């Protein structure tokens, strides 16, 4: 299974935010994580909408991890960020001609759910435990 780019960036933003207590601007996050600012801004907006990031407007504003985000399940988060996408697109244009008798789609759905289940017990806070925390804290230091 391959995570979409937005999910990857979202997980990185949460990890960096969990490791640091200070406010970080979109520009600082984009530079620290080596991702395009515009894409990162969209991801931050989505994470804020999900209640995982707090945003502070103004000259000294930025984003930080919401208090309850550290206990959020990574499995639940990846499900949310990935949406209802499946590993294969059987209903695309044109739809797969094998879909009526195919057993692969069901097997791939079960494998995808097993992937999420393996991530369910891991929290965002778990991702920032040493030695990862030291690396995350070193990102973006001036």
N, C-alpha and C. Protein backbone atom coordinates (compact mmCIF):
# COMPACT_ATOMS: atom_id res chain seq x y z
N UNK A 1 0.85 -1.17 0.00
CA UNK A 1 0.00 0.00 0.00
C UNK A 1 0.89 1.23 0.00
N UNK A 2 0.44 2.25 -0.70
CA UNK A 2 1.19 3.48 -0.82
C UNK A 2 0.33 4.63 -0.30
N UNK A 3 0.84 5.38 0.69
CA UNK A 3 0.09 6.52 1.22
C UNK A 3 0.17 7.68 0.24
N UNK A 4 -0.91 8.45 0.15
CA UNK A 4 -0.86 9.62 -0.72
C UNK A 4 0.04 10.68 -0.10
N UNK A 5 0.47 11.62 -0.90
CA UNK A 5 1.42 12.65 -0.48
C UNK A 5 0.88 13.48 0.68
N UNK A 6 -0.39 13.80 0.66
CA UNK A 6 -0.99 14.60 1.73
C UNK A 6 -0.96 13.87 3.08
N UNK A 7 -1.20 12.58 3.06
CA UNK A 7 -1.13 11.80 4.30
C UNK A 7 0.29 11.79 4.83
N UNK A 8 1.26 11.57 3.96
CA UNK A 8 2.67 11.57 4.35
C UNK A 8 3.04 12.91 4.99
N UNK A 9 2.69 14.00 4.34
CA UNK A 9 3.01 15.33 4.86
C UNK A 9 2.28 15.56 6.19
N UNK A 10 1.03 15.16 6.27
CA UNK A 10 0.25 15.32 7.49
C UNK A 10 0.89 14.61 8.67
N UNK A 11 1.34 13.39 8.46
CA UNK A 11 2.00 12.66 9.54
C UNK A 11 3.30 13.34 9.96
N UNK A 12 4.04 13.85 8.99
CA UNK A 12 5.29 14.56 9.32
C UNK A 12 5.02 15.83 10.11
N UNK A 13 3.99 16.59 9.69
CA UNK A 13 3.64 17.82 10.41
C UNK A 13 3.27 17.50 11.85
N UNK A 14 2.47 16.47 12.05
CA UNK A 14 2.06 16.09 13.40
C UNK A 14 3.25 15.63 14.24
N UNK A 15 4.15 14.87 13.63
CA UNK A 15 5.33 14.41 14.37
C UNK A 15 6.19 15.60 14.81
N UNK A 16 6.45 16.50 13.89
CA UNK A 16 7.27 17.67 14.21
C UNK A 16 6.58 18.54 15.25
N UNK A 17 5.28 18.72 15.10
CA UNK A 17 4.53 19.54 16.06
C UNK A 17 4.47 18.88 17.44
N UNK A 18 4.40 17.56 17.48
CA UNK A 18 4.37 16.85 18.76
C UNK A 18 5.70 16.93 19.48
N UNK A 19 6.79 17.00 18.73
CA UNK A 19 8.11 17.05 19.34
C UNK A 19 8.46 18.44 19.86
N UNK A 20 7.80 19.46 19.30
CA UNK A 20 8.11 20.84 19.67
C UNK A 20 6.86 21.50 20.24
N UNK A 21 7.02 22.24 21.31
CA UNK A 21 5.88 22.90 21.95
C UNK A 21 5.60 24.29 21.38
N UNK A 22 6.54 24.83 20.62
CA UNK A 22 6.40 26.19 20.14
C UNK A 22 5.53 26.28 18.90
N UNK A 23 5.09 27.50 18.60
CA UNK A 23 4.33 27.75 17.37
C UNK A 23 5.29 27.71 16.20
N UNK A 24 4.86 27.12 15.12
CA UNK A 24 5.66 27.06 13.89
C UNK A 24 4.82 27.64 12.76
N UNK A 25 5.44 28.49 11.95
CA UNK A 25 4.71 29.04 10.80
C UNK A 25 4.68 28.00 9.68
N UNK A 26 3.79 28.24 8.73
CA UNK A 26 3.70 27.37 7.55
C UNK A 26 5.03 27.37 6.82
N UNK A 27 5.65 28.54 6.69
CA UNK A 27 6.95 28.63 6.00
C UNK A 27 8.02 27.82 6.72
N UNK A 28 8.05 27.89 8.05
CA UNK A 28 9.03 27.12 8.82
C UNK A 28 8.80 25.62 8.66
N UNK A 29 7.55 25.22 8.74
CA UNK A 29 7.24 23.80 8.57
C UNK A 29 7.62 23.32 7.18
N UNK A 30 7.27 24.10 6.17
CA UNK A 30 7.57 23.71 4.78
C UNK A 30 9.07 23.56 4.59
N UNK A 31 9.84 24.50 5.13
CA UNK A 31 11.29 24.42 4.99
C UNK A 31 11.86 23.23 5.77
N UNK A 32 11.41 23.05 7.00
CA UNK A 32 11.91 21.95 7.83
C UNK A 32 11.62 20.59 7.22
N UNK A 33 10.45 20.45 6.61
CA UNK A 33 10.02 19.17 6.07
C UNK A 33 10.31 19.01 4.58
N UNK A 34 10.86 20.05 3.97
CA UNK A 34 11.23 20.02 2.55
C UNK A 34 10.04 19.67 1.66
N UNK A 35 8.94 20.38 1.89
CA UNK A 35 7.74 20.19 1.08
C UNK A 35 7.26 21.55 0.57
N UNK A 36 6.53 21.58 -0.54
CA UNK A 36 6.03 22.85 -1.06
C UNK A 36 5.09 23.54 -0.07
N UNK A 37 5.27 24.83 0.11
CA UNK A 37 4.48 25.62 1.05
C UNK A 37 2.98 25.49 0.77
N UNK A 38 2.60 25.62 -0.49
CA UNK A 38 1.18 25.59 -0.86
C UNK A 38 0.53 24.26 -0.47
N UNK A 39 1.23 23.16 -0.74
CA UNK A 39 0.70 21.84 -0.41
C UNK A 39 0.61 21.68 1.11
N UNK A 40 1.65 22.13 1.80
CA UNK A 40 1.67 22.01 3.26
C UNK A 40 0.53 22.82 3.88
N UNK A 41 0.25 24.00 3.35
CA UNK A 41 -0.83 24.83 3.88
C UNK A 41 -2.17 24.11 3.78
N UNK A 42 -2.41 23.42 2.69
CA UNK A 42 -3.66 22.66 2.54
C UNK A 42 -3.75 21.53 3.57
N UNK A 43 -2.62 20.86 3.79
CA UNK A 43 -2.59 19.77 4.76
C UNK A 43 -2.82 20.30 6.17
N UNK A 44 -2.18 21.41 6.52
CA UNK A 44 -2.36 22.02 7.84
C UNK A 44 -3.82 22.41 8.04
N UNK A 45 -4.43 22.95 7.03
CA UNK A 45 -5.84 23.33 7.12
C UNK A 45 -6.71 22.09 7.41
N UNK A 46 -6.42 21.00 6.75
CA UNK A 46 -7.18 19.77 6.99
C UNK A 46 -6.95 19.24 8.40
N UNK A 47 -5.70 19.27 8.87
CA UNK A 47 -5.40 18.80 10.23
C UNK A 47 -6.06 19.70 11.28
N UNK A 48 -6.13 20.99 11.00
CA UNK A 48 -6.83 21.91 11.89
C UNK A 48 -8.32 21.57 11.92
N UNK A 49 -8.89 21.32 10.76
CA UNK A 49 -10.31 20.97 10.66
C UNK A 49 -10.61 19.67 11.43
N UNK A 50 -9.66 18.76 11.45
CA UNK A 50 -9.83 17.49 12.17
C UNK A 50 -9.58 17.64 13.67
N UNK A 51 -9.19 18.86 14.10
CA UNK A 51 -8.95 19.11 15.52
C UNK A 51 -7.59 18.66 16.01
N UNK A 52 -6.66 18.41 15.11
CA UNK A 52 -5.34 17.92 15.50
C UNK A 52 -4.30 19.02 15.65
N UNK A 53 -4.53 20.15 14.99
CA UNK A 53 -3.64 21.30 15.11
C UNK A 53 -4.44 22.51 15.55
N UNK A 54 -3.80 23.35 16.35
CA UNK A 54 -4.36 24.64 16.72
C UNK A 54 -3.65 25.69 15.87
N UNK A 55 -4.39 26.67 15.41
CA UNK A 55 -3.79 27.75 14.64
C UNK A 55 -3.95 29.06 15.39
N UNK A 56 -2.90 29.87 15.32
CA UNK A 56 -2.91 31.19 15.95
C UNK A 56 -2.62 32.19 14.85
N UNK A 57 -3.54 33.13 14.66
CA UNK A 57 -3.37 34.15 13.61
C UNK A 57 -2.55 35.32 14.14
N UNK A 58 -2.07 36.08 13.19
CA UNK A 58 -1.37 37.31 13.56
C UNK A 58 0.12 37.23 13.35
N UNK A 59 0.76 38.33 13.68
CA UNK A 59 2.20 38.49 13.44
C UNK A 59 3.04 37.40 14.10
N UNK A 60 2.71 37.04 15.30
CA UNK A 60 3.48 36.00 15.99
C UNK A 60 2.71 34.68 16.02
N UNK A 61 1.88 34.46 15.02
CA UNK A 61 1.05 33.26 14.96
C UNK A 61 1.78 32.06 14.39
N UNK A 62 1.04 31.00 14.24
CA UNK A 62 1.57 29.76 13.70
C UNK A 62 0.65 28.61 14.05
N UNK A 63 1.19 27.42 14.01
CA UNK A 63 0.42 26.23 14.35
C UNK A 63 1.15 25.43 15.41
N UNK A 64 0.38 24.69 16.18
CA UNK A 64 0.93 23.78 17.18
C UNK A 64 -0.03 22.62 17.35
N UNK A 65 0.47 21.57 17.93
CA UNK A 65 -0.34 20.37 18.15
C UNK A 65 -1.46 20.67 19.13
N UNK A 66 -2.66 20.24 18.81
CA UNK A 66 -3.78 20.36 19.74
C UNK A 66 -3.54 19.38 20.89
N UNK A 67 -3.99 19.73 22.09
CA UNK A 67 -3.69 18.88 23.26
C UNK A 67 -4.08 17.41 23.10
N UNK A 68 -5.23 17.14 22.50
CA UNK A 68 -5.69 15.75 22.39
C UNK A 68 -5.05 14.99 21.22
N UNK A 69 -4.31 15.69 20.38
CA UNK A 69 -3.75 15.06 19.18
C UNK A 69 -2.69 14.01 19.51
N UNK A 70 -1.96 14.19 20.58
CA UNK A 70 -0.89 13.24 20.93
C UNK A 70 -1.43 11.84 21.18
N UNK A 71 -2.68 11.73 21.58
CA UNK A 71 -3.27 10.42 21.86
C UNK A 71 -4.07 9.87 20.68
N UNK A 72 -4.03 10.57 19.56
CA UNK A 72 -4.76 10.13 18.37
C UNK A 72 -4.10 8.91 17.75
N UNK A 73 -4.90 7.93 17.41
CA UNK A 73 -4.40 6.72 16.77
C UNK A 73 -3.92 7.03 15.35
N UNK A 74 -2.74 6.55 15.02
CA UNK A 74 -2.21 6.74 13.68
C UNK A 74 -3.08 5.99 12.66
N UNK A 75 -3.59 4.83 13.03
CA UNK A 75 -4.48 4.09 12.13
C UNK A 75 -5.73 4.88 11.80
N UNK A 76 -6.35 5.45 12.83
CA UNK A 76 -7.54 6.27 12.60
C UNK A 76 -7.21 7.48 11.74
N UNK A 77 -6.08 8.10 12.03
CA UNK A 77 -5.66 9.28 11.28
C UNK A 77 -5.41 8.96 9.81
N UNK A 78 -4.70 7.86 9.55
CA UNK A 78 -4.41 7.49 8.15
C UNK A 78 -5.71 7.14 7.42
N UNK A 79 -6.62 6.45 8.08
CA UNK A 79 -7.93 6.18 7.46
C UNK A 79 -8.61 7.49 7.05
N UNK A 80 -8.59 8.45 7.97
CA UNK A 80 -9.25 9.74 7.72
C UNK A 80 -8.57 10.49 6.58
N UNK A 81 -7.26 10.54 6.58
CA UNK A 81 -6.53 11.30 5.56
C UNK A 81 -6.58 10.62 4.19
N UNK A 82 -6.59 9.31 4.18
CA UNK A 82 -6.65 8.58 2.91
C UNK A 82 -8.06 8.58 2.32
N UNK A 83 -9.05 8.81 3.17
CA UNK A 83 -10.43 8.79 2.68
C UNK A 83 -10.85 7.37 2.35
N UNK A 84 -11.79 7.23 1.46
CA UNK A 84 -12.31 5.92 1.11
C UNK A 84 -11.59 5.25 -0.04
N UNK A 85 -10.38 5.70 -0.33
CA UNK A 85 -9.66 5.14 -1.47
C UNK A 85 -9.28 3.68 -1.22
N UNK A 86 -9.34 2.93 -2.28
CA UNK A 86 -8.93 1.53 -2.22
C UNK A 86 -7.58 1.37 -2.90
N UNK A 87 -6.96 0.23 -2.70
CA UNK A 87 -5.66 -0.04 -3.29
C UNK A 87 -5.76 -0.06 -4.82
N UNK A 88 -6.85 -0.58 -5.34
CA UNK A 88 -7.08 -0.60 -6.79
C UNK A 88 -8.39 0.11 -7.10
N UNK A 89 -8.48 0.67 -8.30
CA UNK A 89 -9.68 1.39 -8.72
C UNK A 89 -10.45 0.56 -9.74
N UNK A 90 -11.30 -0.32 -9.22
CA UNK A 90 -12.06 -1.23 -10.09
C UNK A 90 -13.21 -0.51 -10.79
N UNK A 91 -13.66 0.59 -10.20
CA UNK A 91 -14.83 1.30 -10.75
C UNK A 91 -14.43 2.51 -11.58
N UNK A 92 -13.17 2.60 -11.96
CA UNK A 92 -12.68 3.75 -12.72
C UNK A 92 -13.28 3.83 -14.11
N UNK A 93 -12.71 4.71 -14.90
CA UNK A 93 -13.17 4.88 -16.28
C UNK A 93 -12.08 4.39 -17.20
N UNK A 94 -12.29 3.34 -17.91
CA UNK A 94 -13.46 2.46 -17.88
C UNK A 94 -13.38 1.52 -16.68
N UNK A 95 -14.52 1.01 -16.22
CA UNK A 95 -14.50 0.05 -15.11
C UNK A 95 -13.82 -1.25 -15.54
N UNK A 96 -13.26 -1.92 -14.58
CA UNK A 96 -12.57 -3.18 -14.86
C UNK A 96 -13.57 -4.23 -15.36
N UNK A 97 -13.29 -4.87 -16.47
CA UNK A 97 -14.21 -5.88 -17.01
C UNK A 97 -14.24 -7.16 -16.17
N UNK A 98 -13.31 -7.33 -15.26
CA UNK A 98 -13.27 -8.53 -14.42
C UNK A 98 -14.01 -8.36 -13.10
N UNK A 99 -14.55 -7.19 -12.83
CA UNK A 99 -15.09 -6.88 -11.50
C UNK A 99 -16.25 -7.79 -11.08
N UNK A 100 -17.02 -8.34 -11.99
CA UNK A 100 -18.16 -9.19 -11.62
C UNK A 100 -17.75 -10.47 -10.90
N UNK A 101 -16.64 -11.06 -11.31
CA UNK A 101 -16.23 -12.31 -10.70
C UNK A 101 -14.88 -12.25 -10.00
N UNK A 102 -14.39 -11.06 -9.76
CA UNK A 102 -13.04 -10.88 -9.21
C UNK A 102 -13.01 -11.10 -7.70
N UNK A 103 -12.01 -11.82 -7.26
CA UNK A 103 -11.82 -12.05 -5.84
C UNK A 103 -10.67 -11.22 -5.29
N UNK A 104 -9.94 -10.57 -6.19
CA UNK A 104 -8.78 -9.77 -5.78
C UNK A 104 -9.20 -8.54 -4.98
N UNK A 105 -10.25 -7.86 -5.40
CA UNK A 105 -10.67 -6.63 -4.73
C UNK A 105 -10.95 -6.87 -3.25
N UNK A 106 -11.66 -7.92 -2.93
CA UNK A 106 -11.96 -8.25 -1.53
C UNK A 106 -10.70 -8.56 -0.74
N UNK A 107 -9.80 -9.29 -1.35
CA UNK A 107 -8.55 -9.62 -0.67
C UNK A 107 -7.73 -8.35 -0.40
N UNK A 108 -7.72 -7.45 -1.37
CA UNK A 108 -6.98 -6.20 -1.19
C UNK A 108 -7.63 -5.31 -0.13
N UNK A 109 -8.95 -5.32 -0.06
CA UNK A 109 -9.64 -4.57 1.00
C UNK A 109 -9.27 -5.10 2.37
N UNK A 110 -9.23 -6.43 2.51
CA UNK A 110 -8.86 -7.03 3.80
C UNK A 110 -7.41 -6.71 4.15
N UNK A 111 -6.52 -6.73 3.16
CA UNK A 111 -5.12 -6.40 3.40
C UNK A 111 -4.98 -4.93 3.81
N UNK A 112 -5.74 -4.06 3.17
CA UNK A 112 -5.70 -2.64 3.50
C UNK A 112 -6.18 -2.42 4.94
N UNK A 113 -7.25 -3.08 5.32
CA UNK A 113 -7.75 -2.95 6.69
C UNK A 113 -6.75 -3.51 7.69
N UNK A 114 -6.06 -4.59 7.35
CA UNK A 114 -5.03 -5.14 8.23
C UNK A 114 -3.90 -4.13 8.42
N UNK A 115 -3.57 -3.40 7.37
CA UNK A 115 -2.56 -2.34 7.44
C UNK A 115 -2.99 -1.29 8.46
N UNK A 116 -4.25 -0.83 8.36
CA UNK A 116 -4.75 0.16 9.30
C UNK A 116 -4.80 -0.38 10.73
N UNK A 117 -5.24 -1.62 10.88
CA UNK A 117 -5.32 -2.24 12.21
C UNK A 117 -3.94 -2.30 12.86
N UNK A 118 -2.90 -2.55 12.06
CA UNK A 118 -1.54 -2.58 12.61
C UNK A 118 -1.12 -1.21 13.12
N UNK A 119 -1.68 -0.14 12.55
CA UNK A 119 -1.35 1.22 12.97
C UNK A 119 -2.25 1.73 14.11
N UNK A 120 -3.36 1.07 14.35
CA UNK A 120 -4.32 1.53 15.35
C UNK A 120 -3.73 1.73 16.75
N UNK A 121 -2.90 0.83 17.27
CA UNK A 121 -2.41 1.03 18.64
C UNK A 121 -1.31 2.10 18.76
N UNK A 122 -0.79 2.58 17.65
CA UNK A 122 0.27 3.60 17.68
C UNK A 122 -0.37 4.97 17.72
N UNK A 123 0.11 5.84 18.61
CA UNK A 123 -0.41 7.20 18.69
C UNK A 123 0.58 8.19 18.10
N UNK A 124 0.10 9.39 17.83
CA UNK A 124 0.99 10.45 17.34
C UNK A 124 2.10 10.69 18.35
N UNK A 125 1.78 10.66 19.63
CA UNK A 125 2.79 10.83 20.68
C UNK A 125 3.85 9.74 20.64
N UNK A 126 3.46 8.51 20.32
CA UNK A 126 4.42 7.41 20.22
C UNK A 126 5.48 7.68 19.16
N UNK A 127 5.10 8.40 18.11
CA UNK A 127 6.02 8.65 17.00
C UNK A 127 7.14 9.63 17.36
N UNK A 128 7.01 10.28 18.51
CA UNK A 128 8.01 11.27 18.89
C UNK A 128 8.86 10.83 20.07
N UNK A 129 8.83 9.56 20.37
CA UNK A 129 9.66 9.05 21.45
C UNK A 129 11.12 8.95 20.98
N UNK A 130 12.08 9.02 21.90
CA UNK A 130 13.49 8.90 21.49
C UNK A 130 13.71 7.59 20.74
N UNK A 131 14.59 7.58 19.76
CA UNK A 131 15.50 8.64 19.32
C UNK A 131 14.87 9.60 18.32
N UNK A 132 13.64 9.34 17.88
CA UNK A 132 13.01 10.20 16.87
C UNK A 132 12.89 11.64 17.35
N UNK A 133 12.63 11.84 18.63
CA UNK A 133 12.42 13.19 19.14
C UNK A 133 13.65 14.07 18.92
N UNK A 134 14.84 13.54 19.15
CA UNK A 134 16.06 14.33 18.96
C UNK A 134 16.20 14.78 17.50
N UNK A 135 15.90 13.89 16.58
CA UNK A 135 15.97 14.23 15.17
C UNK A 135 14.93 15.30 14.82
N UNK A 136 13.72 15.12 15.31
CA UNK A 136 12.65 16.08 15.03
C UNK A 136 12.98 17.46 15.62
N UNK A 137 13.57 17.49 16.81
CA UNK A 137 13.92 18.75 17.42
C UNK A 137 15.04 19.48 16.66
N UNK A 138 15.86 18.71 15.98
CA UNK A 138 16.97 19.33 15.23
C UNK A 138 16.52 19.95 13.90
N UNK A 139 15.35 19.58 13.42
CA UNK A 139 14.86 20.11 12.14
C UNK A 139 14.48 21.58 12.28
N UNK A 140 14.96 22.37 11.38
CA UNK A 140 14.57 23.77 11.32
C UNK A 140 15.22 24.66 12.35
N UNK A 141 16.25 24.19 13.00
CA UNK A 141 16.96 25.06 13.94
C UNK A 141 17.73 26.11 13.17
N UNK A 142 17.68 27.30 13.69
CA UNK A 142 18.37 28.40 13.00
C UNK A 142 19.83 28.45 13.33
